[in-house]
Amino acid sequence: MGKIGDGYGSEWHLLRHLRCDRAYFSRKVAEAIGGQRVEWLDFKSSPVNEPLKDDREFIGLEFIQDIQVQKKWKEFWPQTGNTQNWDAVGQIYFEDTPEWLLLEAKGHIGEIKSKCGAKKPNSKKLICSALEETREAVCRPCLTANWLEPYYQYANRLAVLYFLLKKCMPAVKARLLFIYFYGENRKGCNCPQSEQEWYPAIKDMTKHLGIDNDSELMKSVHCLFLPVNPDGVGVRIESR
């Protein structure tokens, strides 16, 4: 996984919910999407006996075993460099029908910003092609360059969803879920203290990307706002 804070940060809060409050967390996720239940995949474990050392998130689409999907994915997105890392992966059930659930968690405003760091010309070209296709599926008129920064991570997650639903034949059913934690107070970070305090930043992001929330693809994109502490007590980090 990425570097996990000791008692702070979106990765920490997500792991805490999954390990200590999984029933509550899974219920909230299912309610946000409209499914009946969620089953989570276990994270990749460390080969050494040190907590969290070398543990990692699922990368790209490695959790899908279908050979044809993997072949198409390699043609759609570069397989080198810093590809998509998922904070959690699971399956959400609609009655008895499962769909993949890809999750990203954020704990402060700065976490939603990033830019494309691809250096190799071929990789950059493939990324731009994938983003262009995705943009055309979810956007009002907008430049593809707007998807390379400052909200590149959100954009490339949409590209994965587009690939699964539109490029695979048959489509691989999937949902994309963004979790926005609130209630942390951490020095040097703009941490929303309520669901409402997240809204302006999210609105700025979708406006910059030109997202049309009524598009077909966006019906499979969901967001969930959760307190960092399910008991309603905030977390204060004075300095890091």
Protein backbone atom coordinates (compact mmCIF):
# COMPACT_ATOMS: atom_id res chain seq x y z
CA MET A 1 0.00 0.00 0.00
CA GLY A 2 0.99 3.63 -0.06
CA LYS A 3 2.59 5.21 2.97
CA ILE A 4 0.08 4.89 5.79
CA GLY A 5 -0.08 7.52 8.52
CA ASP A 6 -0.01 6.46 12.15
CA GLY A 7 -3.55 7.32 13.18
CA TYR A 8 -4.30 9.74 10.37
CA GLY A 9 -4.90 9.90 6.62
CA SER A 10 -7.44 8.29 4.30
CA GLU A 11 -5.60 4.93 4.14
CA TRP A 12 -5.55 4.68 7.93
CA HIS A 13 -9.23 5.57 8.31
CA LEU A 14 -10.25 3.15 5.57
CA LEU A 15 -8.29 0.28 7.13
CA ARG A 16 -9.75 1.11 10.53
CA HIS A 17 -13.26 0.90 9.11
CA LEU A 18 -12.52 -2.37 7.33
CA ARG A 19 -10.86 -3.99 10.34
CA CYS A 20 -12.81 -2.60 13.28
CA ASP A 21 -16.16 -1.49 11.86
CA ARG A 22 -16.54 -3.67 8.76
CA ALA A 23 -20.24 -4.41 9.25
CA TYR A 24 -21.05 -0.70 9.66
CA PHE A 25 -18.78 0.26 6.76
CA SER A 26 -20.11 -2.40 4.39
CA ARG A 27 -23.69 -1.47 5.23
CA LYS A 28 -23.01 2.20 4.44
CA VAL A 29 -21.34 1.27 1.15
CA ALA A 30 -24.22 -1.00 0.12
CA GLU A 31 -26.75 1.71 1.00
CA ALA A 32 -24.85 4.34 -1.02
CA ILE A 33 -24.87 2.16 -4.14
CA GLY A 34 -28.18 0.38 -3.68
CA GLY A 35 -26.84 -3.16 -3.39
CA GLN A 36 -27.66 -5.88 -0.88
CA ARG A 37 -24.22 -6.77 0.45
CA VAL A 38 -20.50 -6.26 -0.12
CA GLU A 39 -17.66 -8.79 0.00
CA TRP A 40 -14.13 -7.36 0.19
CA LEU A 41 -10.98 -8.85 -1.27
CA ASP A 42 -8.10 -9.22 1.17
CA PHE A 43 -5.14 -6.91 0.67
CA LYS A 44 -1.86 -8.28 -0.57
CA SER A 45 0.03 -9.26 2.59
CA SER A 46 3.61 -8.51 3.51
CA PRO A 47 6.16 -11.33 3.07
CA VAL A 48 7.99 -10.14 6.19
CA ASN A 49 6.89 -10.06 9.80
CA GLU A 50 6.45 -6.31 10.14
CA PRO A 51 2.95 -4.79 10.35
CA LEU A 52 2.00 -3.02 7.09
CA LYS A 53 5.56 -3.24 5.73
CA ASP A 54 5.41 -3.96 2.01
CA ASP A 55 1.65 -4.51 2.16
CA ARG A 56 0.15 -3.11 -1.01
CA GLU A 57 -3.07 -2.24 -2.73
CA PHE A 58 -4.43 -3.96 -5.82
CA ILE A 59 -2.84 -2.56 -8.95
CA GLY A 60 -4.61 -1.99 -12.24
CA LEU A 61 -6.93 -4.90 -12.98
CA GLU A 62 -4.81 -7.68 -11.52
CA PHE A 63 -7.79 -8.96 -9.51
CA ILE A 64 -9.61 -9.97 -12.72
CA GLN A 65 -8.55 -13.40 -13.94
CA ASP A 66 -10.14 -13.30 -17.41
CA ILE A 67 -7.35 -13.61 -19.99
CA GLN A 68 -9.22 -11.67 -22.68
CA VAL A 69 -9.89 -8.78 -20.30
CA GLN A 70 -6.21 -8.68 -19.38
CA LYS A 71 -5.19 -8.69 -23.04
CA LYS A 72 -7.51 -5.79 -23.87
CA TRP A 73 -6.39 -3.90 -20.76
CA LYS A 74 -2.76 -4.03 -21.88
CA GLU A 75 -3.81 -2.50 -25.18
CA PHE A 76 -5.86 0.22 -23.47
CA TRP A 77 -3.54 1.37 -20.66
CA PRO A 78 0.27 1.36 -20.08
CA GLN A 79 1.48 -1.46 -17.86
CA THR A 80 4.59 0.34 -16.64
CA GLY A 81 4.98 3.31 -14.32
CA ASN A 82 2.55 4.24 -11.57
CA THR A 83 -0.69 2.65 -12.74
CA GLN A 84 -3.97 2.69 -10.78
CA ASN A 85 -3.69 1.61 -7.15
CA TRP A 86 -7.00 0.84 -5.45
CA ASP A 87 -7.59 1.61 -1.79
CA ALA A 88 -9.93 -1.39 -1.68
CA VAL A 89 -11.53 -3.84 -4.10
CA GLY A 90 -14.63 -5.90 -3.51
CA GLN A 91 -17.82 -7.17 -5.06
CA ILE A 92 -21.24 -5.68 -4.44
CA TYR A 93 -24.27 -7.90 -4.89
CA PHE A 94 -27.58 -6.96 -6.44
CA GLU A 95 -29.68 -9.91 -5.33
CA ASP A 96 -27.40 -12.77 -6.49
CA THR A 97 -25.55 -10.82 -9.18
CA PRO A 98 -22.07 -9.51 -8.25
CA GLU A 99 -20.39 -6.44 -9.71
CA TRP A 100 -16.82 -5.33 -9.12
CA LEU A 101 -16.46 -2.49 -6.63
CA LEU A 102 -13.39 -0.25 -6.99
CA LEU A 103 -12.82 2.14 -4.11
CA GLU A 104 -10.83 5.33 -3.62
CA ALA A 105 -10.71 7.12 -0.26
CA LYS A 106 -9.84 10.75 0.50
CA GLY A 107 -9.28 12.44 3.84
CA HIS A 108 -8.42 16.03 2.95
CA ILE A 109 -8.83 18.39 -0.01
CA GLY A 110 -5.23 18.08 -1.20
CA GLU A 111 -5.67 14.36 -1.83
CA ILE A 112 -8.01 14.90 -4.77
CA LYS A 113 -5.31 16.70 -6.76
CA SER A 114 -2.66 15.03 -8.91
CA LYS A 115 -1.16 15.20 -12.40
CA CYS A 116 -0.07 12.67 -14.99
CA GLY A 117 3.58 11.80 -14.51
CA ALA A 118 4.08 9.58 -17.56
CA LYS A 119 7.49 10.22 -19.16
CA LYS A 120 7.63 7.73 -22.01
CA PRO A 121 6.04 9.10 -25.22
CA ASN A 122 4.24 5.84 -25.98
CA SER A 123 2.78 5.66 -22.48
CA LYS A 124 1.64 9.26 -22.58
CA LYS A 125 0.05 8.69 -26.00
CA LEU A 126 -1.84 5.62 -24.77
CA ILE A 127 -3.05 7.45 -21.66
CA CYS A 128 -4.26 10.41 -23.68
CA SER A 129 -6.10 8.08 -26.06
CA ALA A 130 -7.81 6.28 -23.16
CA LEU A 131 -8.74 9.55 -21.46
CA GLU A 132 -10.09 10.95 -24.72
CA GLU A 133 -12.43 8.00 -25.16
CA THR A 134 -13.56 8.22 -21.56
CA ARG A 135 -14.01 11.99 -21.72
CA GLU A 136 -16.28 11.69 -24.73
CA ALA A 137 -18.47 9.25 -22.77
CA VAL A 138 -18.97 11.41 -19.68
CA CYS A 139 -18.31 15.04 -20.61
CA ARG A 140 -19.71 18.21 -21.92
CA PRO A 141 -17.24 19.89 -24.33
CA CYS A 142 -13.88 19.89 -22.57
CA LEU A 143 -10.20 19.65 -23.47
CA THR A 144 -8.56 16.27 -22.87
CA ALA A 145 -5.59 18.20 -21.45
CA ASN A 146 -7.84 19.16 -18.54
CA TRP A 147 -7.85 15.49 -17.58
CA LEU A 148 -4.06 15.30 -17.17
CA GLU A 149 -4.02 17.73 -14.23
CA PRO A 150 -4.89 18.73 -11.56
CA TYR A 151 -7.43 15.91 -11.13
CA TYR A 152 -5.67 13.16 -13.00
CA GLN A 153 -6.34 10.40 -10.46
CA TYR A 154 -10.09 10.88 -10.63
CA ALA A 155 -9.86 10.94 -14.43
CA ASN A 156 -7.84 7.74 -14.73
CA ARG A 157 -10.20 5.93 -12.35
CA LEU A 158 -13.07 6.89 -14.65
CA ALA A 159 -11.02 5.45 -17.52
CA VAL A 160 -10.86 2.07 -15.78
CA LEU A 161 -14.62 2.04 -15.32
CA TYR A 162 -15.10 3.04 -18.97
CA PHE A 163 -12.82 0.20 -20.05
CA LEU A 164 -14.71 -2.43 -18.04
CA LEU A 165 -18.18 -1.29 -19.07
CA LYS A 166 -17.59 -0.17 -22.66
CA LYS A 167 -14.44 -1.78 -24.07
CA CYS A 168 -14.88 -5.32 -22.76
CA MET A 169 -17.17 -7.69 -24.66
CA PRO A 170 -19.19 -8.75 -22.79
CA ALA A 171 -19.06 -5.83 -20.40
CA VAL A 172 -17.51 -6.45 -17.00
CA LYS A 173 -20.03 -5.09 -14.51
CA ALA A 174 -18.38 -2.67 -12.12
CA ARG A 175 -18.94 0.31 -9.83
CA LEU A 176 -16.59 3.09 -8.83
CA LEU A 177 -16.91 4.45 -5.29
CA PHE A 178 -15.21 7.53 -3.84
CA ILE A 179 -15.20 7.78 -0.06
CA TYR A 180 -14.71 11.22 1.43
CA PHE A 181 -13.83 11.12 5.12
CA TYR A 182 -14.53 14.11 7.31
CA GLY A 183 -13.68 15.03 10.89
CA GLU A 184 -9.89 14.90 10.90
CA ASN A 185 -7.90 17.95 12.03
CA ARG A 186 -4.37 17.71 10.72
CA LYS A 187 -1.87 20.54 10.63
CA GLY A 188 -1.10 21.77 7.13
CA CYS A 189 -4.10 20.03 5.51
CA ASN A 190 -7.52 21.32 4.56
CA CYS A 191 -9.66 18.67 6.27
CA PRO A 192 -13.44 18.98 5.84
CA GLN A 193 -15.34 18.70 9.09
CA SER A 194 -18.65 17.77 7.50
CA GLU A 195 -20.07 16.32 4.31
CA GLN A 196 -21.10 19.79 3.20
CA GLU A 197 -17.51 21.09 3.46
CA TRP A 198 -16.47 18.59 0.77
CA TYR A 199 -18.99 19.88 -1.77
CA PRO A 200 -17.14 22.97 -3.13
CA ALA A 201 -13.93 21.03 -3.86
CA ILE A 202 -15.81 18.19 -5.56
CA LYS A 203 -17.85 20.68 -7.59
CA ASP A 204 -14.66 22.43 -8.74
CA MET A 205 -13.19 19.08 -9.77
CA THR A 206 -16.17 17.89 -11.82
CA LYS A 207 -16.51 21.34 -13.41
CA HIS A 208 -12.84 21.36 -14.46
CA LEU A 209 -13.23 17.89 -15.96
CA GLY A 210 -16.49 18.82 -17.64
CA ILE A 211 -18.33 15.87 -16.10
CA ASP A 212 -21.93 15.38 -17.12
CA ASN A 213 -23.45 13.64 -14.10
CA ASP A 214 -26.42 12.54 -16.21
CA SER A 215 -24.24 10.50 -18.60
CA GLU A 216 -24.69 6.75 -18.63
CA LEU A 217 -21.21 5.97 -17.31
CA MET A 218 -21.61 8.29 -14.30
CA LYS A 219 -24.57 6.22 -13.13
CA SER A 220 -21.97 3.67 -12.04
CA VAL A 221 -19.92 6.26 -10.11
CA HIS A 222 -20.87 6.80 -6.48
CA CYS A 223 -19.64 8.79 -3.51
CA LEU A 224 -20.01 8.26 0.23
CA PHE A 225 -19.22 10.70 3.03
CA LEU A 226 -18.16 9.16 6.33
CA PRO A 227 -16.87 10.46 9.67
CA VAL A 228 -13.33 9.33 10.47
CA ASN A 229 -14.75 7.94 13.69
CA PRO A 230 -18.11 6.13 13.43
CA ASP A 231 -18.84 7.23 17.01
CA GLY A 232 -18.81 10.82 15.80
CA VAL A 233 -15.62 11.97 17.52
CA GLY A 234 -13.11 13.79 15.33
CA VAL A 235 -9.42 13.02 15.17
CA ARG A 236 -6.92 15.75 15.97
CA ILE A 237 -3.38 15.59 14.65
CA GLU A 238 -1.53 18.68 15.82
CA SER A 239 1.63 18.26 13.76
CA ARG A 240 3.08 15.85 11.22
